[in-house]
PDB file of N, CA and C in Angstrom:
ATOM      1  N   MET A   1       0.887  -1.164  -0.091  1.00  0.00           N
ATOM      2  CA  MET A   1      -0.003  -0.006  -0.091  1.00  0.00           C
ATOM      3  C   MET A   1       0.819   1.180  -0.027  1.00  0.00           C
ATOM      4  N   VAL A   2       2.035   1.237   0.682  1.00  0.00           N
ATOM      5  CA  VAL A   2       2.924   2.355   0.659  1.00  0.00           C
ATOM      6  C   VAL A   2       3.425   2.685  -0.686  1.00  0.00           C
ATOM      7  N   ILE A   3       3.825   1.639  -1.482  1.00  0.00           N
ATOM      8  CA  ILE A   3       4.285   1.907  -2.670  1.00  0.00           C
ATOM      9  C   ILE A   3       3.128   2.496  -3.742  1.00  0.00           C
ATOM     10  N   TYR A   4       1.998   1.986  -3.524  1.00  0.00           N
ATOM     11  CA  TYR A   4       0.786   2.542  -4.227  1.00  0.00           C
ATOM     12  C   TYR A   4       0.653   4.038  -3.939  1.00  0.00           C
ATOM     13  N   ARG A   5       0.729   4.367  -2.662  1.00  0.00           N
ATOM     14  CA  ARG A   5       0.565   5.792  -2.191  1.00  0.00           C
ATOM     15  C   ARG A   5       1.615   6.626  -2.769  1.00  0.00           C
ATOM     16  N   VAL A   6       2.959   6.159  -2.954  1.00  0.00           N
ATOM     17  CA  VAL A   6       4.055   6.897  -3.432  1.00  0.00           C
ATOM     18  C   VAL A   6       3.679   7.126  -4.905  1.00  0.00           C
ATOM     19  N   LEU A   7       3.344   6.096  -5.633  1.00  0.00           N
ATOM     20  CA  LEU A   7       2.999   6.251  -7.010  1.00  0.00           C
ATOM     21  C   LEU A   7       1.811   7.212  -7.206  1.00  0.00           C
ATOM     22  N   GLU A   8       0.921   7.213  -6.357  1.00  0.00           N
ATOM     23  CA  GLU A   8      -0.247   8.109  -6.495  1.00  0.00           C
ATOM     24  C   GLU A   8       0.108   9.642  -6.167  1.00  0.00           C
ATOM     25  N   LYS A   9       1.042   9.827  -5.201  1.00  0.00           N
ATOM     26  CA  LYS A   9       1.509  11.238  -5.008  1.00  0.00           C
ATOM     27  C   LYS A   9       2.383  11.674  -6.211  1.00  0.00           C
ATOM     28  N   LEU A  10       2.986  10.795  -6.766  1.00  0.00           N
ATOM     29  CA  LEU A  10       3.763  11.200  -7.953  1.00  0.00           C
ATOM     30  C   LEU A  10       2.960  11.307  -9.299  1.00  0.00           C
ATOM     31  N   HIS A  11       1.606  11.145  -9.129  1.00  0.00           N
ATOM     32  CA  HIS A  11       0.714  11.196 -10.247  1.00  0.00           C
ATOM     33  C   HIS A  11       1.032  10.257 -11.444  1.00  0.00           C
ATOM     34  N   ILE A  12       1.483   9.028 -11.077  1.00  0.00           N
ATOM     35  CA  ILE A  12       1.769   8.045 -11.992  1.00  0.00           C
ATOM     36  C   ILE A  12       0.517   6.993 -12.269  1.00  0.00           C
ATOM     37  N   ILE A  13      -0.216   6.996 -11.223  1.00  0.00           N
ATOM     38  CA  ILE A  13      -1.406   6.096 -11.244  1.00  0.00           C
ATOM     39  C   ILE A  13      -2.275   6.183 -12.591  1.00  0.00           C
ATOM     40  N   HIS A  14      -2.586   7.483 -12.825  1.00  0.00           N
ATOM     41  CA  HIS A  14      -3.488   7.833 -13.917  1.00  0.00           C
ATOM     42  C   HIS A  14      -2.862   8.251 -15.219  1.00  0.00           C
ATOM     43  N   LEU A  15      -1.637   7.735 -15.335  1.00  0.00           N
ATOM     44  CA  LEU A  15      -0.701   8.091 -16.505  1.00  0.00           C
ATOM     45  C   LEU A  15      -1.354   7.742 -17.783  1.00  0.00           C
ATOM     46  N   PHE A  16      -2.001   6.507 -17.760  1.00  0.00           N
ATOM     47  CA  PHE A  16      -2.716   5.994 -19.027  1.00  0.00           C
ATOM     48  C   PHE A  16      -4.355   6.116 -19.038  1.00  0.00           C
ATOM     49  N   GLY A  17      -4.746   7.019 -18.231  1.00  0.00           N
ATOM     50  CA  GLY A  17      -6.134   7.146 -18.027  1.00  0.00           C
ATOM     51  C   GLY A  17      -6.810   6.352 -16.817  1.00  0.00           C
ATOM     52  N   ASN A  18      -8.049   5.827 -17.036  1.00  0.00           N
ATOM     53  CA  ASN A  18      -8.687   5.016 -15.866  1.00  0.00           C
ATOM     54  C   ASN A  18      -8.957   3.657 -16.569  1.00  0.00           C
ATOM     55  N   GLY A  19      -8.549   3.302 -17.554  1.00  0.00           N
ATOM     56  CA  GLY A  19      -8.974   1.950 -18.091  1.00  0.00           C
ATOM     57  C   GLY A  19      -8.066   0.769 -17.748  1.00  0.00           C
ATOM     58  N   LEU A  20      -8.101  -0.295 -18.529  1.00  0.00           N
ATOM     59  CA  LEU A  20      -7.501  -1.543 -18.195  1.00  0.00           C
ATOM     60  C   LEU A  20      -5.954  -1.394 -18.193  1.00  0.00           C
ATOM     61  N   LEU A  21      -5.437  -0.638 -19.212  1.00  0.00           N
ATOM     62  CA  LEU A  21      -4.025  -0.489 -19.334  1.00  0.00           C
ATOM     63  C   LEU A  21      -3.535   0.391 -18.104  1.00  0.00           C
ATOM     64  N   ALA A  22      -4.189   1.263 -17.577  1.00  0.00           N
ATOM     65  CA  ALA A  22      -3.835   1.860 -16.318  1.00  0.00           C
ATOM     66  C   ALA A  22      -3.659   0.929 -15.119  1.00  0.00           C
ATOM     67  N   TYR A  23      -4.698   0.101 -15.068  1.00  0.00           N
ATOM     68  CA  TYR A  23      -4.894  -0.822 -13.947  1.00  0.00           C
ATOM     69  C   TYR A  23      -3.586  -1.844 -13.918  1.00  0.00           C
ATOM     70  N   ILE A  24      -3.348  -2.347 -15.295  1.00  0.00           N
ATOM     71  CA  ILE A  24      -2.286  -3.336 -15.417  1.00  0.00           C
ATOM     72  C   ILE A  24      -0.967  -2.558 -15.043  1.00  0.00           C
ATOM     73  N   PHE A  25      -0.697  -1.390 -15.540  1.00  0.00           N
ATOM     74  CA  PHE A  25       0.547  -0.576 -15.304  1.00  0.00           C
ATOM     75  C   PHE A  25       0.695  -0.323 -13.959  1.00  0.00           C
ATOM     76  N   THR A  26      -0.398   0.043 -13.235  1.00  0.00           N
ATOM     77  CA  THR A  26      -0.252   0.257 -11.745  1.00  0.00           C
ATOM     78  C   THR A  26      -0.037  -1.026 -11.043  1.00  0.00           C
ATOM     79  N   ALA A  27      -0.672  -2.028 -11.374  1.00  0.00           N
ATOM     80  CA  ALA A  27      -0.249  -3.466 -10.676  1.00  0.00           C
ATOM     81  C   ALA A  27       1.232  -3.874 -10.834  1.00  0.00           C
ATOM     82  N   VAL A  28       1.693  -3.664 -12.133  1.00  0.00           N
ATOM     83  CA  VAL A  28       3.198  -4.093 -12.226  1.00  0.00           C
ATOM     84  C   VAL A  28       4.002  -3.111 -11.604  1.00  0.00           C
ATOM     85  N   ALA A  29       3.706  -1.723 -11.590  1.00  0.00           N
ATOM     86  CA  ALA A  29       4.403  -0.712 -10.959  1.00  0.00           C
ATOM     87  C   ALA A  29       4.617  -1.026  -9.431  1.00  0.00           C
ATOM     88  N   VAL A  30       3.419  -1.306  -8.807  1.00  0.00           N
ATOM     89  CA  VAL A  30       3.416  -1.612  -7.491  1.00  0.00           C
ATOM     90  C   VAL A  30       4.242  -2.915  -7.105  1.00  0.00           C
ATOM     91  N   ILE A  31       4.172  -3.975  -8.000  1.00  0.00           N
ATOM     92  CA  ILE A  31       4.880  -5.139  -7.674  1.00  0.00           C
ATOM     93  C   ILE A  31       6.393  -4.840  -7.827  1.00  0.00           C
ATOM     94  N   CYS A  32       6.846  -4.115  -8.921  1.00  0.00           N
ATOM     95  CA  CYS A  32       8.241  -3.850  -8.995  1.00  0.00           C
ATOM     96  C   CYS A  32       8.721  -2.882  -7.931  1.00  0.00           C
ATOM     97  N   GLY A  33       7.931  -1.985  -7.540  1.00  0.00           N
ATOM     98  CA  GLY A  33       8.260  -1.131  -6.412  1.00  0.00           C
ATOM     99  C   GLY A  33       8.414  -1.892  -5.189  1.00  0.00           C
ATOM    100  N   SER A  34       7.556  -2.773  -4.858  1.00  0.00           N
ATOM    101  CA  SER A  34       7.610  -3.549  -3.611  1.00  0.00           C
ATOM    102  C   SER A  34       8.874  -4.425  -3.705  1.00  0.00           C
ATOM    103  N   VAL A  35       9.241  -5.005  -4.763  1.00  0.00           N
ATOM    104  CA  VAL A  35      10.532  -5.823  -4.799  1.00  0.00           C
ATOM    105  C   VAL A  35      11.825  -4.905  -4.590  1.00  0.00           C
ATOM    106  N   VAL A  36      11.703  -3.836  -5.277  1.00  0.00           N
ATOM    107  CA  VAL A  36      12.852  -2.823  -4.989  1.00  0.00           C
ATOM    108  C   VAL A  36      13.041  -2.367  -3.551  1.00  0.00           C
ATOM    109  N   PHE A  37      11.837  -2.085  -2.962  1.00  0.00           N
ATOM    110  CA  PHE A  37      11.810  -1.722  -1.580  1.00  0.00           C
ATOM    111  C   PHE A  37      12.309  -2.731  -0.689  1.00  0.00           C
ATOM    112  N   SER A  38      11.800  -3.933  -0.986  1.00  0.00           N
ATOM    113  CA  SER A  38      12.333  -5.173  -0.200  1.00  0.00           C
ATOM    114  C   SER A  38      13.785  -5.457  -0.248  1.00  0.00           C
ATOM    115  N   VAL A  39      14.379  -5.227  -1.357  1.00  0.00           N
ATOM    116  CA  VAL A  39      15.825  -5.486  -1.671  1.00  0.00           C
ATOM    117  C   VAL A  39      16.578  -4.338  -0.822  1.00  0.00           C
ATOM    118  N   CYS A  40      16.135  -3.159  -1.088  1.00  0.00           N
ATOM    119  CA  CYS A  40      16.807  -1.981  -0.216  1.00  0.00           C
ATOM    120  C   CYS A  40      16.721  -2.174   1.231  1.00  0.00           C
ATOM    121  N   ALA A  41      15.582  -2.617   1.708  1.00  0.00           N
ATOM    122  CA  ALA A  41      15.307  -2.814   3.202  1.00  0.00           C
ATOM    123  C   ALA A  41      16.259  -3.967   3.658  1.00  0.00           C
ATOM    124  N   LYS A  42      16.430  -5.025   2.902  1.00  0.00           N
ATOM    125  CA  LYS A  42      17.175  -6.188   3.327  1.00  0.00           C
ATOM    126  C   LYS A  42      18.608  -5.679   3.435  1.00  0.00           C
ATOM    127  N   TRP A  43      18.972  -4.990   2.395  1.00  0.00           N
ATOM    128  CA  TRP A  43      20.422  -4.439   2.466  1.00  0.00           C
ATOM    129  C   TRP A  43      20.771  -3.565   3.680  1.00  0.00           C
ATOM    130  N   PHE A  44      19.735  -2.644   3.884  1.00  0.00           N
ATOM    131  CA  PHE A  44      19.902  -1.737   4.998  1.00  0.00           C
ATOM    132  C   PHE A  44      19.960  -2.358   6.262  1.00  0.00           C
ATOM    133  N   LEU A  45      18.940  -3.338   6.479  1.00  0.00           N
ATOM    134  CA  LEU A  45      19.120  -4.108   7.732  1.00  0.00           C
ATOM    135  C   LEU A  45      20.221  -4.910   7.860  1.00  0.00           C
ATOM    136  N   ASN A  46      20.814  -5.506   6.845  1.00  0.00           N
ATOM    137  CA  ASN A  46      22.097  -6.277   6.925  1.00  0.00           C
ATOM    138  C   ASN A  46      23.217  -5.412   7.354  1.00  0.00           C
ATOM    139  N   LYS A  47      23.310  -4.102   6.720  1.00  0.00           N
ATOM    140  CA  LYS A  47      24.242  -3.177   7.187  1.00  0.00           C
ATOM    141  C   LYS A  47      24.138  -2.726   8.723  1.00  0.00           C
ATOM    142  N   ILE A  48      22.923  -2.683   9.101  1.00  0.00           N
ATOM    143  CA  ILE A  48      22.859  -2.412  10.705  1.00  0.00           C
ATOM    144  C   ILE A  48      23.174  -3.488  11.568  1.00  0.00           C
ATOM    145  N   GLU A  49      22.814  -4.658  11.064  1.00  0.00           N
ATOM    146  CA  GLU A  49      23.213  -5.931  11.807  1.00  0.00           C
ATOM    147  C   GLU A  49      24.703  -5.965  11.805  1.00  0.00           C
ATOM    148  N   THR A  50      25.380  -5.741  10.799  1.00  0.00           N
ATOM    149  CA  THR A  50      26.829  -5.934  10.669  1.00  0.00           C
ATOM    150  C   THR A  50      27.445  -4.746  11.599  1.00  0.00           C
ATOM    151  N   ILE A  51      26.879  -3.647  11.673  1.00  0.00           N
ATOM    152  CA  ILE A  51      27.554  -2.549  12.525  1.00  0.00           C
ATOM    153  C   ILE A  51      27.279  -2.975  13.979  1.00  0.00           C
ATOM    154  N   LEU A  52      26.043  -3.581  14.338  1.00  0.00           N
ATOM    155  CA  LEU A  52      25.768  -3.918  15.761  1.00  0.00           C
ATOM    156  C   LEU A  52      26.724  -5.051  16.160  1.00  0.00           C
ATOM    157  N   LYS A  53      26.973  -5.951  15.323  1.00  0.00           N
ATOM    158  CA  LYS A  53      27.809  -7.170  15.615  1.00  0.00           C
ATOM    159  C   LYS A  53      29.414  -6.649  15.873  1.00  0.00           C
ATOM    160  N   ASN A  54      29.683  -5.661  15.056  1.00  0.00           N
ATOM    161  CA  ASN A  54      31.085  -5.280  15.122  1.00  0.00           C
ATOM    162  C   ASN A  54      31.249  -4.407  16.431  1.00  0.00           C
ATOM    163  N   ASN A  55      30.211  -3.824  16.989  1.00  0.00           N
ATOM    164  CA  ASN A  55      30.378  -2.935  18.031  1.00  0.00           C
ATOM    165  C   ASN A  55      30.373  -3.727  19.470  1.00  0.00           C
ATOM    166  N   LYS A  56      30.039  -4.990  19.511  1.00  0.00           N
ATOM    167  CA  LYS A  56      30.053  -5.789  20.566  1.00  0.00           C
ATOM    168  C   LYS A  56      31.427  -6.299  21.078  1.00  0.00           C
TER     169      LYS A  56
END
């Protein structure tokens, strides 16, 4: 839902109007955005974990 809201704030949701093409584009964009967010979050959390382990 967060990714959808980001796309909505960037006015990308209605880039192709309100039809089927817009729906498909939005669904694909949300899935891709979720994957990118997940990869970035995993990288960031691994960095924090490494820093915390090294400080002990």
